[in-house]
Amino acid sequence: MQNKNYYREFNKPIHQNHVNMDDTIFKIFIAVVLLSLSLLSYGFWDAIINLFS
């Protein structure tokens, strides 16, 4: 065992507050991106269907 403090340094408990805040921002970002992409693709397919019909 070279370093007795290895596990103490690298397995520290994560601060729940900060991580939860980052997680919610990340989830909101993913939701916005998916929503915008689905709306863009819907408009795209709607235009193509209107062209062919």
PDB file of N, CA and C in Angstrom:
ATOM      1  N   MET A   1       0.859  -1.192   0.000  1.00  0.00           N
ATOM      2  CA  MET A   1       0.000   0.000   0.000  1.00  0.00           C
ATOM      3  C   MET A   1       0.893   1.240   0.000  1.00  0.00           C
ATOM      4  N   GLN A   2       0.948   1.907  -1.121  1.00  0.00           N
ATOM      5  CA  GLN A   2       1.854   3.050  -1.221  1.00  0.00           C
ATOM      6  C   GLN A   2       1.279   4.290  -0.547  1.00  0.00           C
ATOM      7  N   ASN A   3       0.010   4.553  -0.802  1.00  0.00           N
ATOM      8  CA  ASN A   3      -0.577   5.792  -0.290  1.00  0.00           C
ATOM      9  C   ASN A   3      -1.787   5.447   0.568  1.00  0.00           C
ATOM     10  N   LYS A   4      -1.675   5.704   1.866  1.00  0.00           N
ATOM     11  CA  LYS A   4      -2.778   5.366   2.767  1.00  0.00           C
ATOM     12  C   LYS A   4      -3.993   6.254   2.531  1.00  0.00           C
ATOM     13  N   ASN A   5      -3.763   7.443   2.010  1.00  0.00           N
ATOM     14  CA  ASN A   5      -4.864   8.387   1.836  1.00  0.00           C
ATOM     15  C   ASN A   5      -5.513   8.302   0.456  1.00  0.00           C
ATOM     16  N   TYR A   6      -5.189   7.241  -0.300  1.00  0.00           N
ATOM     17  CA  TYR A   6      -5.707   7.144  -1.665  1.00  0.00           C
ATOM     18  C   TYR A   6      -7.236   7.116  -1.672  1.00  0.00           C
ATOM     19  N   TYR A   7      -7.805   6.175  -0.891  1.00  0.00           N
ATOM     20  CA  TYR A   7      -9.261   6.055  -0.897  1.00  0.00           C
ATOM     21  C   TYR A   7      -9.919   7.259  -0.255  1.00  0.00           C
ATOM     22  N   ARG A   8      -9.236   7.847   0.729  1.00  0.00           N
ATOM     23  CA  ARG A   8      -9.804   9.018   1.380  1.00  0.00           C
ATOM     24  C   ARG A   8      -9.865  10.194   0.397  1.00  0.00           C
ATOM     25  N   GLU A   9      -8.883  10.261  -0.519  1.00  0.00           N
ATOM     26  CA  GLU A   9      -8.855  11.381  -1.463  1.00  0.00           C
ATOM     27  C   GLU A   9      -9.844  11.180  -2.600  1.00  0.00           C
ATOM     28  N   PHE A  10      -9.889   9.973  -3.160  1.00  0.00           N
ATOM     29  CA  PHE A  10     -10.617   9.784  -4.407  1.00  0.00           C
ATOM     30  C   PHE A  10     -12.028   9.246  -4.221  1.00  0.00           C
ATOM     31  N   ASN A  11     -12.365   8.799  -3.032  1.00  0.00           N
ATOM     32  CA  ASN A  11     -13.720   8.311  -2.798  1.00  0.00           C
ATOM     33  C   ASN A  11     -14.463   9.215  -1.831  1.00  0.00           C
ATOM     34  N   LYS A  12     -14.229  10.513  -1.946  1.00  0.00           N
ATOM     35  CA  LYS A  12     -14.950  11.449  -1.093  1.00  0.00           C
ATOM     36  C   LYS A  12     -16.421  11.458  -1.489  1.00  0.00           C
ATOM     37  N   PRO A  13     -17.316  11.588  -0.524  1.00  0.00           N
ATOM     38  CA  PRO A  13     -18.738  11.689  -0.869  1.00  0.00           C
ATOM     39  C   PRO A  13     -19.004  12.953  -1.673  1.00  0.00           C
ATOM     40  N   ILE A  14     -19.857  12.809  -2.661  1.00  0.00           N
ATOM     41  CA  ILE A  14     -20.152  13.935  -3.545  1.00  0.00           C
ATOM     42  C   ILE A  14     -21.101  14.893  -2.830  1.00  0.00           C
ATOM     43  N   HIS A  15     -20.874  16.184  -3.006  1.00  0.00           N
ATOM     44  CA  HIS A  15     -21.790  17.180  -2.444  1.00  0.00           C
ATOM     45  C   HIS A  15     -23.099  17.123  -3.221  1.00  0.00           C
ATOM     46  N   GLN A  16     -24.154  16.690  -2.548  1.00  0.00           N
ATOM     47  CA  GLN A  16     -25.425  16.410  -3.214  1.00  0.00           C
ATOM     48  C   GLN A  16     -26.035  17.660  -3.839  1.00  0.00           C
ATOM     49  N   ASN A  17     -25.947  18.791  -3.159  1.00  0.00           N
ATOM     50  CA  ASN A  17     -26.619  20.006  -3.615  1.00  0.00           C
ATOM     51  C   ASN A  17     -26.109  20.442  -4.982  1.00  0.00           C
ATOM     52  N   HIS A  18     -24.795  20.563  -5.089  1.00  0.00           N
ATOM     53  CA  HIS A  18     -24.175  21.047  -6.322  1.00  0.00           C
ATOM     54  C   HIS A  18     -24.457  20.097  -7.485  1.00  0.00           C
ATOM     55  N   VAL A  19     -24.359  18.793  -7.228  1.00  0.00           N
ATOM     56  CA  VAL A  19     -24.561  17.806  -8.286  1.00  0.00           C
ATOM     57  C   VAL A  19     -26.012  17.823  -8.751  1.00  0.00           C
ATOM     58  N   ASN A  20     -26.948  17.947  -7.816  1.00  0.00           N
ATOM     59  CA  ASN A  20     -28.352  17.978  -8.206  1.00  0.00           C
ATOM     60  C   ASN A  20     -28.654  19.192  -9.068  1.00  0.00           C
ATOM     61  N   MET A  21     -28.053  20.333  -8.734  1.00  0.00           N
ATOM     62  CA  MET A  21     -28.271  21.537  -9.530  1.00  0.00           C
ATOM     63  C   MET A  21     -27.736  21.338 -10.943  1.00  0.00           C
ATOM     64  N   ASP A  22     -26.519  20.813 -11.066  1.00  0.00           N
ATOM     65  CA  ASP A  22     -25.940  20.550 -12.381  1.00  0.00           C
ATOM     66  C   ASP A  22     -26.787  19.542 -13.144  1.00  0.00           C
ATOM     67  N   ASP A  23     -27.285  18.531 -12.441  1.00  0.00           N
ATOM     68  CA  ASP A  23     -28.070  17.487 -13.083  1.00  0.00           C
ATOM     69  C   ASP A  23     -29.364  18.060 -13.650  1.00  0.00           C
ATOM     70  N   THR A  24     -30.032  18.923 -12.890  1.00  0.00           N
ATOM     71  CA  THR A  24     -31.282  19.496 -13.388  1.00  0.00           C
ATOM     72  C   THR A  24     -31.020  20.400 -14.584  1.00  0.00           C
ATOM     73  N   ILE A  25     -29.937  21.183 -14.543  1.00  0.00           N
ATOM     74  CA  ILE A  25     -29.610  22.039 -15.690  1.00  0.00           C
ATOM     75  C   ILE A  25     -29.334  21.177 -16.911  1.00  0.00           C
ATOM     76  N   PHE A  26     -28.607  20.068 -16.714  1.00  0.00           N
ATOM     77  CA  PHE A  26     -28.278  19.168 -17.819  1.00  0.00           C
ATOM     78  C   PHE A  26     -29.540  18.535 -18.400  1.00  0.00           C
ATOM     79  N   LYS A  27     -30.459  18.106 -17.520  1.00  0.00           N
ATOM     80  CA  LYS A  27     -31.703  17.495 -17.995  1.00  0.00           C
ATOM     81  C   LYS A  27     -32.556  18.503 -18.745  1.00  0.00           C
ATOM     82  N   ILE A  28     -32.632  19.736 -18.236  1.00  0.00           N
ATOM     83  CA  ILE A  28     -33.405  20.774 -18.925  1.00  0.00           C
ATOM     84  C   ILE A  28     -32.790  21.059 -20.287  1.00  0.00           C
ATOM     85  N   PHE A  29     -31.453  21.102 -20.355  1.00  0.00           N
ATOM     86  CA  PHE A  29     -30.767  21.346 -21.623  1.00  0.00           C
ATOM     87  C   PHE A  29     -31.080  20.244 -22.631  1.00  0.00           C
ATOM     88  N   ILE A  30     -31.025  18.982 -22.189  1.00  0.00           N
ATOM     89  CA  ILE A  30     -31.326  17.863 -23.080  1.00  0.00           C
ATOM     90  C   ILE A  30     -32.772  17.930 -23.540  1.00  0.00           C
ATOM     91  N   ALA A  31     -33.694  18.272 -22.624  1.00  0.00           N
ATOM     92  CA  ALA A  31     -35.106  18.360 -22.990  1.00  0.00           C
ATOM     93  C   ALA A  31     -35.324  19.446 -24.033  1.00  0.00           C
ATOM     94  N   VAL A  32     -34.678  20.602 -23.857  1.00  0.00           N
ATOM     95  CA  VAL A  32     -34.833  21.698 -24.819  1.00  0.00           C
ATOM     96  C   VAL A  32     -34.271  21.294 -26.175  1.00  0.00           C
ATOM     97  N   VAL A  33     -33.116  20.641 -26.182  1.00  0.00           N
ATOM     98  CA  VAL A  33     -32.502  20.221 -27.446  1.00  0.00           C
ATOM     99  C   VAL A  33     -33.392  19.203 -28.154  1.00  0.00           C
ATOM    100  N   LEU A  34     -33.898  18.216 -27.411  1.00  0.00           N
ATOM    101  CA  LEU A  34     -34.759  17.210 -28.034  1.00  0.00           C
ATOM    102  C   LEU A  34     -36.041  17.842 -28.553  1.00  0.00           C
ATOM    103  N   LEU A  35     -36.609  18.771 -27.786  1.00  0.00           N
ATOM    104  CA  LEU A  35     -37.840  19.427 -28.214  1.00  0.00           C
ATOM    105  C   LEU A  35     -37.614  20.225 -29.484  1.00  0.00           C
ATOM    106  N   SER A  36     -36.522  20.985 -29.531  1.00  0.00           N
ATOM    107  CA  SER A  36     -36.255  21.802 -30.722  1.00  0.00           C
ATOM    108  C   SER A  36     -35.971  20.914 -31.925  1.00  0.00           C
ATOM    109  N   LEU A  37     -35.227  19.829 -31.732  1.00  0.00           N
ATOM    110  CA  LEU A  37     -34.941  18.937 -32.855  1.00  0.00           C
ATOM    111  C   LEU A  37     -36.209  18.274 -33.367  1.00  0.00           C
ATOM    112  N   SER A  38     -37.093  17.863 -32.461  1.00  0.00           N
ATOM    113  CA  SER A  38     -38.321  17.209 -32.903  1.00  0.00           C
ATOM    114  C   SER A  38     -39.218  18.204 -33.633  1.00  0.00           C
ATOM    115  N   LEU A  39     -39.260  19.453 -33.155  1.00  0.00           N
ATOM    116  CA  LEU A  39     -40.065  20.459 -33.846  1.00  0.00           C
ATOM    117  C   LEU A  39     -39.490  20.766 -35.224  1.00  0.00           C
ATOM    118  N   LEU A  40     -38.161  20.864 -35.314  1.00  0.00           N
ATOM    119  CA  LEU A  40     -37.530  21.120 -36.606  1.00  0.00           C
ATOM    120  C   LEU A  40     -37.788  19.963 -37.565  1.00  0.00           C
ATOM    121  N   SER A  41     -37.640  18.725 -37.069  1.00  0.00           N
ATOM    122  CA  SER A  41     -37.843  17.581 -37.948  1.00  0.00           C
ATOM    123  C   SER A  41     -39.320  17.484 -38.341  1.00  0.00           C
ATOM    124  N   TYR A  42     -40.221  17.855 -37.420  1.00  0.00           N
ATOM    125  CA  TYR A  42     -41.641  17.824 -37.755  1.00  0.00           C
ATOM    126  C   TYR A  42     -41.946  18.830 -38.864  1.00  0.00           C
ATOM    127  N   GLY A  43     -41.407  20.034 -38.768  1.00  0.00           N
ATOM    128  CA  GLY A  43     -41.614  21.018 -39.825  1.00  0.00           C
ATOM    129  C   GLY A  43     -41.020  20.549 -41.133  1.00  0.00           C
ATOM    130  N   PHE A  44     -39.866  19.910 -41.065  1.00  0.00           N
ATOM    131  CA  PHE A  44     -39.194  19.392 -42.257  1.00  0.00           C
ATOM    132  C   PHE A  44     -40.042  18.336 -42.946  1.00  0.00           C
ATOM    133  N   TRP A  45     -40.516  17.344 -42.177  1.00  0.00           N
ATOM    134  CA  TRP A  45     -41.330  16.282 -42.777  1.00  0.00           C
ATOM    135  C   TRP A  45     -42.676  16.821 -43.236  1.00  0.00           C
ATOM    136  N   ASP A  46     -43.219  17.789 -42.516  1.00  0.00           N
ATOM    137  CA  ASP A  46     -44.492  18.387 -42.921  1.00  0.00           C
ATOM    138  C   ASP A  46     -44.347  19.083 -44.267  1.00  0.00           C
ATOM    139  N   ALA A  47     -43.236  19.786 -44.466  1.00  0.00           N
ATOM    140  CA  ALA A  47     -43.004  20.463 -45.742  1.00  0.00           C
ATOM    141  C   ALA A  47     -42.842  19.448 -46.866  1.00  0.00           C
ATOM    142  N   ILE A  48     -42.142  18.359 -46.612  1.00  0.00           N
ATOM    143  CA  ILE A  48     -41.950  17.342 -47.658  1.00  0.00           C
ATOM    144  C   ILE A  48     -43.279  16.687 -48.014  1.00  0.00           C
ATOM    145  N   ILE A  49     -44.108  16.397 -47.010  1.00  0.00           N
ATOM    146  CA  ILE A  49     -45.422  15.792 -47.282  1.00  0.00           C
ATOM    147  C   ILE A  49     -46.282  16.757 -48.079  1.00  0.00           C
ATOM    148  N   ASN A  50     -46.212  18.049 -47.750  1.00  0.00           N
ATOM    149  CA  ASN A  50     -46.974  19.034 -48.514  1.00  0.00           C
ATOM    150  C   ASN A  50     -46.471  19.133 -49.949  1.00  0.00           C
ATOM    151  N   LEU A  51     -45.182  18.956 -50.168  1.00  0.00           N
ATOM    152  CA  LEU A  51     -44.647  18.989 -51.529  1.00  0.00           C
ATOM    153  C   LEU A  51     -45.201  17.839 -52.364  1.00  0.00           C
ATOM    154  N   PHE A  52     -45.265  16.650 -51.780  1.00  0.00           N
ATOM    155  CA  PHE A  52     -45.653  15.474 -52.566  1.00  0.00           C
ATOM    156  C   PHE A  52     -47.157  15.261 -52.631  1.00  0.00           C
ATOM    157  N   SER A  53     -47.919  15.956 -51.786  1.00  0.00           N
ATOM    158  CA  SER A  53     -49.366  15.726 -51.803  1.00  0.00           C
ATOM    159  C   SER A  53     -50.103  16.896 -52.442  1.00  0.00           C
TER     160      SER A  53
END
